[in-house]
Amino acid sequence: MKREVKAAAVQFNIRMGDIDANVEYVRDALARLAAEGVQLAVLPEMWSCGFAYRELNELAKRTPEVVEEMGRLSAQYGMVLVGSLPEPDGDKVCNTAYVVDRGELAGKYRKIHLFSLMNEDRSFTGGDSRLVADTHLGRVGVFICYDLRFPELARRLAVEGAEILVVPGEWPKPREEHWRTLLKARAIENQMFVVAANCCGVLGKLDFFGSSLIIGPKGELLAEGGYENCELTATLDFAVMENWRQQITCFQDRKPACY
C-alpha cells in the first residue's frame, strides 16, 4: 500500500505579544491547507507570541487555551499539528513544541538547547528529554530551532524510528545559509524527511528571512518559502525514503562502539 503524507510549513510574521492575532492567522492558514488536503502542518517557534520576554510569564498563562485551540483545529481537519509555545511550569517557562494528532496530544518536547546569544537561557528552563511522537501518519521527531546545530540529537531520533523531523524555528538574518545547510544535513545524514517552519519579517529588533523548507531523505528540496507570509506544501513519499535507506545502508553500517 502506497504511503504518502501531504505536509506543510506555515510561515508568517508573528505579532509580538499578540496571541489573538497570531491564533487568528493560523486558523485561516489551516483552513486553506485543509482545503488542499494537508495532513501534517508545522508552525514556527513561539508562534503564539514571539520572544516577548518582558511579558513572557503572563503570555505563558494563555498557552493552555492556545493548545486547546490547536486540538480543536487538528480534530476539525484531521491533521497532525506541531508548533512551539511558552509552556508554564510553576514559576518557570519552557519553550515547548506540542504535537497534536487529530485533537489528541501525541507528545510534547521542551527545547533542550537554549540559545544563549538571544538570552533564551535567562528566560526559559531547558528540557532534558527528546521526543519521537507516534502519530497516525508515522513517527515524528521534534527539534526546535537551535537544536539544529546538534546532530547527535537528530541521530538519536532517527535511530529511535523518526521518519519525519519537524523543526519550528525563529531563525533570523544573517544566518540564512546556516539554516538551509543544517536542515539539509540533518535530512541527508539521517535519510529522513524534514519539515521546517520559520517566521518572516521584522519581529522586535530582528529581521527574519523566512525560507521555510521541506526536504526529502536524499537532501532534495521539495518546497521552499520566500521572505513573505506563505504556506508551502509537498507530498512525502515514504517509498522514496525506504528505497534510499536500502541503497545507502547508513544505519546498518554504523559503528557506535567506535564513536
Protein backbone atom coordinates (compact mmCIF):
# COMPACT_ATOMS: atom_id res chain seq x y z
CA MET A 1 0.00 0.00 0.00
CA LYS A 2 1.44 3.36 -1.05
CA ARG A 3 2.20 5.54 1.95
CA GLU A 4 2.28 9.28 1.43
CA VAL A 5 1.78 12.34 3.62
CA LYS A 6 0.92 15.81 2.38
CA ALA A 7 2.93 18.12 4.63
CA ALA A 8 3.02 21.89 5.08
CA ALA A 9 5.07 24.57 6.79
CA VAL A 10 3.20 27.71 7.85
CA GLN A 11 5.47 30.75 7.58
CA PHE A 12 4.28 34.12 8.86
CA ASN A 13 5.28 37.37 10.51
CA ILE A 14 4.49 36.71 14.16
CA ARG A 15 2.90 39.66 16.01
CA MET A 16 5.00 40.18 19.13
CA GLY A 17 2.88 39.52 22.22
CA ASP A 18 -0.41 39.43 20.27
CA ILE A 19 -1.77 35.94 20.85
CA ASP A 20 -5.22 36.66 19.41
CA ALA A 21 -3.84 37.97 16.10
CA ASN A 22 -1.41 35.06 15.72
CA VAL A 23 -4.04 32.44 16.51
CA GLU A 24 -6.41 34.04 14.01
CA TYR A 25 -3.72 33.95 11.32
CA VAL A 26 -3.05 30.27 11.97
CA ARG A 27 -6.78 29.47 11.90
CA ASP A 28 -7.04 30.99 8.43
CA ALA A 29 -3.86 29.28 7.22
CA LEU A 30 -5.01 25.85 8.38
CA ALA A 31 -8.38 26.31 6.69
CA ARG A 32 -6.56 26.98 3.42
CA LEU A 33 -4.29 23.97 3.92
CA ALA A 34 -7.16 21.65 4.83
CA ALA A 35 -8.82 22.56 1.54
CA GLU A 36 -5.63 21.32 -0.18
CA GLY A 37 -5.70 18.01 1.69
CA VAL A 38 -2.77 18.72 4.01
CA GLN A 39 -2.30 16.10 6.75
CA LEU A 40 0.71 17.50 8.67
CA ALA A 41 1.23 21.20 9.39
CA VAL A 42 4.23 22.71 11.18
CA LEU A 43 4.12 26.19 12.75
CA PRO A 44 7.11 28.38 13.73
CA GLU A 45 8.79 28.54 17.11
CA MET A 46 6.92 30.56 19.76
CA TRP A 47 4.24 31.15 17.14
CA SER A 48 1.59 32.49 19.51
CA CYS A 49 3.55 35.48 20.81
CA GLY A 50 7.20 35.55 19.72
CA PHE A 51 10.00 36.06 22.22
CA ALA A 52 8.21 38.79 24.18
CA TYR A 53 10.47 38.40 27.18
CA ARG A 54 9.01 41.18 29.33
CA GLU A 55 5.53 39.65 29.13
CA LEU A 56 6.59 36.02 28.88
CA ASN A 57 5.15 34.78 32.18
CA GLU A 58 1.78 36.42 31.53
CA LEU A 59 1.66 35.20 27.93
CA ALA A 60 2.53 31.67 29.04
CA LYS A 61 -0.60 31.60 31.20
CA ARG A 62 -2.67 31.62 28.00
CA THR A 63 -0.83 28.68 26.45
CA PRO A 64 -3.34 26.06 27.72
CA GLU A 65 -6.11 27.80 25.75
CA VAL A 66 -3.84 28.00 22.67
CA VAL A 67 -3.10 24.27 22.93
CA GLU A 68 -6.83 23.65 23.26
CA GLU A 69 -7.38 25.60 20.03
CA MET A 70 -4.62 23.57 18.35
CA GLY A 71 -6.52 20.46 19.40
CA ARG A 72 -9.80 21.79 18.06
CA LEU A 73 -8.30 22.69 14.68
CA SER A 74 -6.36 19.44 14.47
CA ALA A 75 -9.53 17.46 15.13
CA GLN A 76 -11.62 19.55 12.74
CA TYR A 77 -9.20 19.00 9.87
CA GLY A 78 -7.92 15.52 10.78
CA MET A 79 -4.35 16.86 10.86
CA VAL A 80 -1.20 16.40 12.84
CA LEU A 81 -0.30 19.91 14.01
CA VAL A 82 3.06 20.93 15.52
CA GLY A 83 4.27 24.25 16.91
CA SER A 84 6.21 25.65 19.85
CA LEU A 85 4.71 27.77 22.63
CA PRO A 86 5.77 29.17 26.03
CA GLU A 87 4.73 26.46 28.48
CA PRO A 88 4.17 27.50 32.11
CA ASP A 89 5.86 25.20 34.61
CA GLY A 90 5.31 26.57 38.10
CA ASP A 91 7.27 29.83 38.24
CA LYS A 92 9.30 28.78 35.18
CA VAL A 93 8.63 28.82 31.44
CA CYS A 94 9.71 26.22 28.90
CA ASN A 95 9.89 26.58 25.12
CA THR A 96 7.72 23.58 24.27
CA ALA A 97 6.67 22.04 20.98
CA TYR A 98 3.26 20.37 21.06
CA VAL A 99 2.40 17.52 18.68
CA VAL A 100 -1.37 17.28 18.32
CA ASP A 101 -2.83 14.38 16.32
CA ARG A 102 -6.48 14.74 15.27
CA GLY A 103 -7.34 16.52 18.50
CA GLU A 104 -5.22 14.44 20.88
CA LEU A 105 -1.84 15.38 22.36
CA ALA A 106 0.64 12.88 20.89
CA GLY A 107 3.57 14.36 22.79
CA LYS A 108 5.39 17.50 23.79
CA TYR A 109 9.05 18.40 23.61
CA ARG A 110 10.79 21.02 25.73
CA LYS A 111 13.64 22.68 23.87
CA ILE A 112 16.89 21.20 25.13
CA HIS A 113 19.41 23.62 23.64
CA LEU A 114 18.67 27.20 24.68
CA PHE A 115 20.27 29.88 22.50
CA SER A 116 22.35 31.99 24.89
CA LEU A 117 23.15 34.59 22.20
CA MET A 118 19.45 35.55 22.32
CA ASN A 119 19.29 35.24 26.14
CA GLU A 120 16.96 32.24 25.99
CA ASP A 121 18.87 30.66 28.88
CA ARG A 122 17.90 33.61 31.10
CA SER A 123 14.18 33.36 30.45
CA PHE A 124 13.50 29.67 29.80
CA THR A 125 14.14 26.38 31.52
CA GLY A 126 15.64 23.82 29.15
CA GLY A 127 14.25 20.36 28.60
CA ASP A 128 16.10 17.13 29.26
CA SER A 129 14.36 14.53 27.09
CA ARG A 130 13.83 14.00 23.38
CA LEU A 131 10.62 13.11 21.57
CA VAL A 132 9.64 10.77 18.77
CA ALA A 133 5.86 11.04 18.65
CA ASP A 134 3.71 8.20 17.34
CA THR A 135 1.04 9.69 15.08
CA HIS A 136 -1.44 8.22 12.62
CA LEU A 137 0.86 9.47 9.83
CA GLY A 138 4.05 7.91 11.17
CA ARG A 139 6.79 8.58 13.70
CA VAL A 140 7.64 12.25 14.08
CA GLY A 141 10.84 13.53 15.70
CA VAL A 142 10.90 17.08 17.04
CA PHE A 143 13.55 19.80 17.06
CA ILE A 144 13.20 23.46 17.96
CA CYS A 145 15.38 25.96 16.09
CA TYR A 146 18.88 25.96 17.74
CA ASP A 147 18.66 22.17 18.20
CA LEU A 148 19.63 22.02 14.51
CA ARG A 149 23.24 22.69 15.46
CA PHE A 150 23.42 19.46 17.48
CA PRO A 151 23.49 16.47 15.08
CA GLU A 152 23.70 13.96 17.93
CA LEU A 153 20.08 14.65 18.82
CA ALA A 154 18.84 14.12 15.26
CA ARG A 155 20.68 10.82 15.02
CA ARG A 156 19.12 9.58 18.26
CA LEU A 157 15.67 10.46 16.93
CA ALA A 158 16.38 8.62 13.67
CA VAL A 159 17.71 5.54 15.47
CA GLU A 160 14.54 5.58 17.58
CA GLY A 161 12.43 5.44 14.44
CA ALA A 162 11.72 9.03 13.41
CA GLU A 163 10.63 9.20 9.77
CA ILE A 164 9.88 12.91 9.68
CA LEU A 165 11.83 15.59 11.56
CA VAL A 166 9.74 18.69 12.26
CA VAL A 167 11.51 21.94 13.09
CA PRO A 168 9.64 25.01 14.37
CA GLY A 169 12.09 27.92 14.16
CA GLU A 170 12.68 31.63 14.67
CA TRP A 171 15.95 31.87 12.74
CA PRO A 172 16.95 35.46 11.83
CA LYS A 173 19.22 37.15 9.35
CA PRO A 174 22.12 36.97 8.62
CA ARG A 175 22.41 33.21 9.24
CA GLU A 176 20.18 32.01 6.40
CA GLU A 177 22.84 29.78 4.85
CA HIS A 178 23.34 28.01 8.18
CA TRP A 179 19.60 27.32 8.39
CA ARG A 180 19.45 25.85 4.90
CA THR A 181 22.67 23.85 5.22
CA LEU A 182 21.88 22.39 8.64
CA LEU A 183 18.38 21.35 7.62
CA LYS A 184 19.70 19.61 4.52
CA ALA A 185 22.46 17.95 6.53
CA ARG A 186 20.02 16.56 9.10
CA ALA A 187 17.90 15.13 6.26
CA ILE A 188 20.84 13.62 4.37
CA GLU A 189 22.71 12.08 7.28
CA ASN A 190 19.56 10.53 8.76
CA GLN A 191 17.82 9.72 5.46
CA MET A 192 14.54 11.19 6.62
CA PHE A 193 12.10 13.94 5.70
CA VAL A 194 12.46 17.39 7.27
CA VAL A 195 9.63 19.93 7.56
CA ALA A 196 10.89 23.26 8.94
CA ALA A 197 8.75 26.35 9.57
CA ASN A 198 10.48 29.68 10.14
CA CYS A 199 8.88 33.06 10.78
CA CYS A 200 9.46 36.02 8.47
CA GLY A 201 9.62 39.80 8.53
CA VAL A 202 10.62 42.11 11.36
CA LEU A 203 9.91 40.90 14.87
CA GLY A 204 11.15 43.13 17.66
CA LYS A 205 14.71 44.16 16.74
CA LEU A 206 15.32 41.22 14.43
CA ASP A 207 14.62 40.56 10.76
CA PHE A 208 13.61 37.00 9.87
CA PHE A 209 14.24 35.70 6.36
CA GLY A 210 11.58 33.00 6.19
CA SER A 211 12.93 30.32 3.84
CA SER A 212 10.86 27.57 5.43
CA LEU A 213 11.83 24.26 3.85
CA ILE A 214 10.52 20.78 3.16
CA ILE A 215 13.37 18.39 2.35
CA GLY A 216 13.47 14.78 1.23
CA PRO A 217 15.68 11.96 2.61
CA LYS A 218 18.30 12.45 -0.11
CA GLY A 219 18.56 16.15 0.72
CA GLU A 220 16.34 17.10 -2.21
CA LEU A 221 14.41 20.34 -1.87
CA LEU A 222 10.67 19.59 -2.06
CA ALA A 223 9.38 23.08 -1.22
CA GLU A 224 10.78 26.41 -0.08
CA GLY A 225 9.26 29.63 1.19
CA GLY A 226 10.44 33.13 0.34
CA TYR A 227 10.57 36.18 2.61
CA GLU A 228 6.81 36.78 2.88
CA ASN A 229 3.95 35.00 4.65
CA CYS A 230 3.17 31.73 2.90
CA GLU A 231 2.12 28.12 3.31
CA LEU A 232 4.39 25.71 1.44
CA THR A 233 3.36 22.12 0.80
CA ALA A 234 4.88 18.91 -0.51
CA THR A 235 4.00 15.23 -0.64
CA LEU A 236 6.27 12.95 1.39
CA ASP A 237 6.53 9.56 -0.33
CA PHE A 238 7.77 7.04 2.21
CA ALA A 239 8.74 4.57 -0.53
CA VAL A 240 11.45 7.04 -1.57
CA MET A 241 12.86 7.02 1.96
CA GLU A 242 12.69 3.24 2.31
CA ASN A 243 14.33 2.62 -1.07
CA TRP A 244 17.09 5.12 -0.34
CA ARG A 245 17.82 3.54 3.04
CA GLN A 246 18.13 0.17 1.29
CA GLN A 247 20.60 1.58 -1.24
CA ILE A 248 22.77 3.56 1.18
CA THR A 249 22.73 1.45 4.33
CA CYS A 250 23.90 4.06 6.83
CA PHE A 251 22.02 2.63 9.78
CA GLN A 252 23.27 -0.93 9.27
CA ASP A 253 26.83 0.31 8.71
CA ARG A 254 27.04 2.43 11.86
CA LYS A 255 29.78 1.55 14.38
CA PRO A 256 28.58 3.34 17.52
CA ALA A 257 31.03 1.43 19.72
CA CYS A 258 33.84 3.28 17.93
CA TYR A 259 32.47 6.79 18.30
